[in-house]
Amino acid sequence: MLEKVQGEIVSKDILDLLPHRYPFLLVDRVLEYQPFKYIKAIKCVSINEPFFQGHFPSYPVMPGVLILEALAQAGGILVMKSIPEEVENKIFLFTGMEKVRFRKSVFPGDMLSLEVSYEKHKLNLWKMNGKALVNGQVAAQGILSAAIVPREDK
């Protein structure tokens, strides 16, 4: 029997799933997801992003670490939707990255497609494969790991 693919998650719902806020929320919309399988999301890159003021004024390019952060945030949403009963008063923290490659620059006006697939988890540690694309071409990719830990502010 095929598992049902879940539909879109819009920005107001993303705010309920992630602790990030402007200027660090890097997922605009989730197009589809399947718990414990994958998530497809987008980040619309605007010239108004605050990082473009200094990276670089004459050649605005999205920093690679922020592309990875966008992938990690999409992965966080996937985890939150996979185990919602286990994540109350907890936070999803990036713990590492492996085999990261930057293949294409991301510029203002690009739509960054974020694709994250679940690999495995043990206890509170999660591992996922992430790929960020622009117009079907890979901009960045890597293996991301994260942990779900209690929020210290709760």
C-alpha atoms as a PDB file:
ATOM      1  CA  MET A   1       0.000   0.000   0.000  1.00  0.00           C
ATOM      2  CA  LEU A   2       1.336   3.434  -0.949  1.00  0.00           C
ATOM      3  CA  GLU A   3       1.743   6.028   1.783  1.00  0.00           C
ATOM      4  CA  LYS A   4      -0.065   9.290   1.193  1.00  0.00           C
ATOM      5  CA  VAL A   5       2.051  12.283   0.218  1.00  0.00           C
ATOM      6  CA  GLN A   6       1.189  15.285   2.363  1.00  0.00           C
ATOM      7  CA  GLY A   7       0.444  18.660   0.791  1.00  0.00           C
ATOM      8  CA  GLU A   8       1.676  22.210   1.133  1.00  0.00           C
ATOM      9  CA  ILE A   9       2.658  23.969   4.316  1.00  0.00           C
ATOM     10  CA  VAL A  10       2.443  27.754   4.036  1.00  0.00           C
ATOM     11  CA  SER A  11       4.445  30.425   5.857  1.00  0.00           C
ATOM     12  CA  LYS A  12       2.053  30.935   8.774  1.00  0.00           C
ATOM     13  CA  ASP A  13       2.246  27.200   9.532  1.00  0.00           C
ATOM     14  CA  ILE A  14       6.025  27.132   9.077  1.00  0.00           C
ATOM     15  CA  LEU A  15       6.214  29.705  11.885  1.00  0.00           C
ATOM     16  CA  ASP A  16       4.510  27.166  14.160  1.00  0.00           C
ATOM     17  CA  LEU A  17       7.037  24.459  13.247  1.00  0.00           C
ATOM     18  CA  LEU A  18      10.331  26.386  13.373  1.00  0.00           C
ATOM     19  CA  PRO A  19      11.694  28.803  15.987  1.00  0.00           C
ATOM     20  CA  HIS A  20      13.389  30.913  13.280  1.00  0.00           C
ATOM     21  CA  ARG A  21      12.151  34.405  12.465  1.00  0.00           C
ATOM     22  CA  TYR A  22      13.183  37.225  10.135  1.00  0.00           C
ATOM     23  CA  PRO A  23      15.888  37.580   9.000  1.00  0.00           C
ATOM     24  CA  PHE A  24      16.832  33.957   9.578  1.00  0.00           C
ATOM     25  CA  LEU A  25      13.752  32.029   8.463  1.00  0.00           C
ATOM     26  CA  LEU A  26      14.899  30.500   5.164  1.00  0.00           C
ATOM     27  CA  VAL A  27      11.937  28.331   4.127  1.00  0.00           C
ATOM     28  CA  ASP A  28       9.043  30.124   2.421  1.00  0.00           C
ATOM     29  CA  ARG A  29       6.787  27.200   1.569  1.00  0.00           C
ATOM     30  CA  VAL A  30       6.686  23.423   1.738  1.00  0.00           C
ATOM     31  CA  LEU A  31       5.388  21.946  -1.506  1.00  0.00           C
ATOM     32  CA  GLU A  32       5.065  18.368  -0.278  1.00  0.00           C
ATOM     33  CA  TYR A  33       6.388  15.964   2.295  1.00  0.00           C
ATOM     34  CA  GLN A  34       6.044  12.415   3.443  1.00  0.00           C
ATOM     35  CA  PRO A  35       6.896  11.687   7.111  1.00  0.00           C
ATOM     36  CA  PHE A  36      10.107   9.685   7.510  1.00  0.00           C
ATOM     37  CA  LYS A  37      10.710   9.937   3.734  1.00  0.00           C
ATOM     38  CA  TYR A  38      11.308  13.396   2.216  1.00  0.00           C
ATOM     39  CA  ILE A  39      10.342  17.044   2.013  1.00  0.00           C
ATOM     40  CA  LYS A  40      10.303  19.482  -0.909  1.00  0.00           C
ATOM     41  CA  ALA A  41      10.307  23.168  -0.039  1.00  0.00           C
ATOM     42  CA  ILE A  42      11.257  26.510  -1.560  1.00  0.00           C
ATOM     43  CA  LYS A  43      13.113  29.667  -0.607  1.00  0.00           C
ATOM     44  CA  CYS A  44      12.494  32.665  -2.860  1.00  0.00           C
ATOM     45  CA  VAL A  45      15.745  34.612  -2.855  1.00  0.00           C
ATOM     46  CA  SER A  46      15.165  38.382  -2.930  1.00  0.00           C
ATOM     47  CA  ILE A  47      17.607  41.267  -3.358  1.00  0.00           C
ATOM     48  CA  ASN A  48      16.092  42.512  -0.087  1.00  0.00           C
ATOM     49  CA  GLU A  49      17.782  39.732   1.911  1.00  0.00           C
ATOM     50  CA  PRO A  50      19.926  41.436   4.570  1.00  0.00           C
ATOM     51  CA  PHE A  51      23.007  39.298   3.800  1.00  0.00           C
ATOM     52  CA  PHE A  52      23.278  40.804   0.303  1.00  0.00           C
ATOM     53  CA  GLN A  53      24.326  44.136   1.839  1.00  0.00           C
ATOM     54  CA  GLY A  54      27.738  42.680   2.576  1.00  0.00           C
ATOM     55  CA  HIS A  55      27.899  39.495   0.435  1.00  0.00           C
ATOM     56  CA  PHE A  56      28.777  41.094  -1.945  1.00  0.00           C
ATOM     57  CA  PRO A  57      27.537  44.622  -2.725  1.00  0.00           C
ATOM     58  CA  SER A  58      28.786  44.580  -6.327  1.00  0.00           C
ATOM     59  CA  TYR A  59      28.117  40.856  -6.898  1.00  0.00           C
ATOM     60  CA  PRO A  60      25.248  39.658  -4.673  1.00  0.00           C
ATOM     61  CA  VAL A  61      25.506  35.910  -4.108  1.00  0.00           C
ATOM     62  CA  MET A  62      23.764  33.881  -1.371  1.00  0.00           C
ATOM     63  CA  PRO A  63      26.303  32.550   1.142  1.00  0.00           C
ATOM     64  CA  GLY A  64      26.722  28.780   0.905  1.00  0.00           C
ATOM     65  CA  VAL A  65      26.297  28.322   4.642  1.00  0.00           C
ATOM     66  CA  LEU A  66      22.849  29.931   4.373  1.00  0.00           C
ATOM     67  CA  ILE A  67      21.896  27.493   1.619  1.00  0.00           C
ATOM     68  CA  LEU A  68      22.858  24.695   4.018  1.00  0.00           C
ATOM     69  CA  GLU A  69      20.868  26.405   6.776  1.00  0.00           C
ATOM     70  CA  ALA A  70      17.811  26.490   4.483  1.00  0.00           C
ATOM     71  CA  LEU A  71      18.229  22.738   3.901  1.00  0.00           C
ATOM     72  CA  ALA A  72      18.576  22.152   7.650  1.00  0.00           C
ATOM     73  CA  GLN A  73      15.391  24.149   8.315  1.00  0.00           C
ATOM     74  CA  ALA A  74      13.509  22.091   5.722  1.00  0.00           C
ATOM     75  CA  GLY A  75      14.880  18.963   7.417  1.00  0.00           C
ATOM     76  CA  GLY A  76      13.681  20.308  10.755  1.00  0.00           C
ATOM     77  CA  ILE A  77      10.167  20.656   9.372  1.00  0.00           C
ATOM     78  CA  LEU A  78      10.336  17.068   8.093  1.00  0.00           C
ATOM     79  CA  VAL A  79      11.303  15.823  11.562  1.00  0.00           C
ATOM     80  CA  MET A  80       8.609  17.930  13.255  1.00  0.00           C
ATOM     81  CA  LYS A  81       5.991  16.486  10.887  1.00  0.00           C
ATOM     82  CA  SER A  82       7.356  12.944  11.333  1.00  0.00           C
ATOM     83  CA  ILE A  83       7.217  12.831  15.137  1.00  0.00           C
ATOM     84  CA  PRO A  84       4.951  15.708  16.251  1.00  0.00           C
ATOM     85  CA  GLU A  85       4.082  14.103  19.596  1.00  0.00           C
ATOM     86  CA  GLU A  86       7.766  13.846  20.570  1.00  0.00           C
ATOM     87  CA  VAL A  87       8.934  17.378  19.805  1.00  0.00           C
ATOM     88  CA  GLU A  88       6.834  19.554  22.104  1.00  0.00           C
ATOM     89  CA  ASN A  89       9.108  21.988  24.002  1.00  0.00           C
ATOM     90  CA  LYS A  90      12.109  20.720  22.037  1.00  0.00           C
ATOM     91  CA  ILE A  91      14.274  22.269  19.369  1.00  0.00           C
ATOM     92  CA  PHE A  92      16.003  20.804  16.304  1.00  0.00           C
ATOM     93  CA  LEU A  93      19.705  21.786  16.260  1.00  0.00           C
ATOM     94  CA  PHE A  94      22.120  21.327  13.364  1.00  0.00           C
ATOM     95  CA  THR A  95      25.023  19.123  14.592  1.00  0.00           C
ATOM     96  CA  GLY A  96      27.071  18.497  11.483  1.00  0.00           C
ATOM     97  CA  MET A  97      27.490  18.252   7.762  1.00  0.00           C
ATOM     98  CA  GLU A  98      29.392  15.838   5.579  1.00  0.00           C
ATOM     99  CA  LYS A  99      30.307  15.614   1.912  1.00  0.00           C
ATOM    100  CA  VAL A 100      29.127  19.174   1.296  1.00  0.00           C
ATOM    101  CA  ARG A 101      29.570  20.479  -2.226  1.00  0.00           C
ATOM    102  CA  PHE A 102      28.722  23.883  -3.665  1.00  0.00           C
ATOM    103  CA  ARG A 103      28.073  23.571  -7.376  1.00  0.00           C
ATOM    104  CA  LYS A 104      26.256  26.733  -8.500  1.00  0.00           C
ATOM    105  CA  SER A 105      25.920  30.271  -7.195  1.00  0.00           C
ATOM    106  CA  VAL A 106      22.523  31.493  -6.002  1.00  0.00           C
ATOM    107  CA  PHE A 107      21.550  35.053  -6.925  1.00  0.00           C
ATOM    108  CA  PRO A 108      18.712  37.465  -6.151  1.00  0.00           C
ATOM    109  CA  GLY A 109      15.615  36.435  -8.081  1.00  0.00           C
ATOM    110  CA  ASP A 110      16.401  32.710  -7.909  1.00  0.00           C
ATOM    111  CA  MET A 111      13.953  30.233  -6.444  1.00  0.00           C
ATOM    112  CA  LEU A 112      15.888  27.773  -4.341  1.00  0.00           C
ATOM    113  CA  SER A 113      14.289  24.314  -4.384  1.00  0.00           C
ATOM    114  CA  LEU A 114      15.085  22.450  -1.177  1.00  0.00           C
ATOM    115  CA  GLU A 115      14.947  18.653  -1.236  1.00  0.00           C
ATOM    116  CA  VAL A 116      15.735  16.743   1.923  1.00  0.00           C
ATOM    117  CA  SER A 117      15.408  12.988   2.319  1.00  0.00           C
ATOM    118  CA  TYR A 118      15.391  11.069   5.579  1.00  0.00           C
ATOM    119  CA  GLU A 119      18.254   8.612   5.999  1.00  0.00           C
ATOM    120  CA  LYS A 120      18.048   7.370   9.575  1.00  0.00           C
ATOM    121  CA  HIS A 121      17.707   8.339  13.205  1.00  0.00           C
ATOM    122  CA  LYS A 122      18.660   6.840  16.522  1.00  0.00           C
ATOM    123  CA  LEU A 123      17.260   8.265  19.733  1.00  0.00           C
ATOM    124  CA  ASN A 124      17.420  12.055  19.260  1.00  0.00           C
ATOM    125  CA  LEU A 125      20.024  12.097  16.442  1.00  0.00           C
ATOM    126  CA  TRP A 126      18.881  12.422  12.825  1.00  0.00           C
ATOM    127  CA  LYS A 127      20.698  12.137   9.506  1.00  0.00           C
ATOM    128  CA  MET A 128      19.366  13.424   6.175  1.00  0.00           C
ATOM    129  CA  ASN A 129      20.524  14.027   2.614  1.00  0.00           C
ATOM    130  CA  GLY A 130      19.965  17.550   1.353  1.00  0.00           C
ATOM    131  CA  LYS A 131      20.059  19.048  -2.100  1.00  0.00           C
ATOM    132  CA  ALA A 132      19.362  22.673  -3.073  1.00  0.00           C
ATOM    133  CA  LEU A 133      18.594  23.360  -6.730  1.00  0.00           C
ATOM    134  CA  VAL A 134      18.043  26.386  -8.951  1.00  0.00           C
ATOM    135  CA  ASN A 135      16.241  25.713 -12.227  1.00  0.00           C
ATOM    136  CA  GLY A 136      16.896  21.997 -11.820  1.00  0.00           C
ATOM    137  CA  GLN A 137      20.657  22.446 -11.353  1.00  0.00           C
ATOM    138  CA  VAL A 138      22.282  21.519  -8.051  1.00  0.00           C
ATOM    139  CA  ALA A 139      23.525  24.579  -6.179  1.00  0.00           C
ATOM    140  CA  ALA A 140      24.574  22.734  -3.006  1.00  0.00           C
ATOM    141  CA  GLN A 141      24.301  19.274  -1.517  1.00  0.00           C
ATOM    142  CA  GLY A 142      25.414  17.348   1.516  1.00  0.00           C
ATOM    143  CA  ILE A 143      24.578  15.038   4.370  1.00  0.00           C
ATOM    144  CA  LEU A 144      23.105  16.908   7.340  1.00  0.00           C
ATOM    145  CA  SER A 145      22.881  15.726  10.912  1.00  0.00           C
ATOM    146  CA  ALA A 146      20.903  17.235  13.763  1.00  0.00           C
ATOM    147  CA  ALA A 147      19.652  16.531  17.258  1.00  0.00           C
ATOM    148  CA  ILE A 148      16.340  17.138  18.969  1.00  0.00           C
ATOM    149  CA  VAL A 149      17.046  18.601  22.406  1.00  0.00           C
ATOM    150  CA  PRO A 150      14.954  20.181  25.164  1.00  0.00           C
ATOM    151  CA  ARG A 151      14.500  23.935  24.855  1.00  0.00           C
ATOM    152  CA  GLU A 152      16.367  25.651  27.676  1.00  0.00           C
ATOM    153  CA  ASP A 153      13.958  28.600  27.650  1.00  0.00           C
ATOM    154  CA  LYS A 154      10.893  26.465  28.497  1.00  0.00           C
END
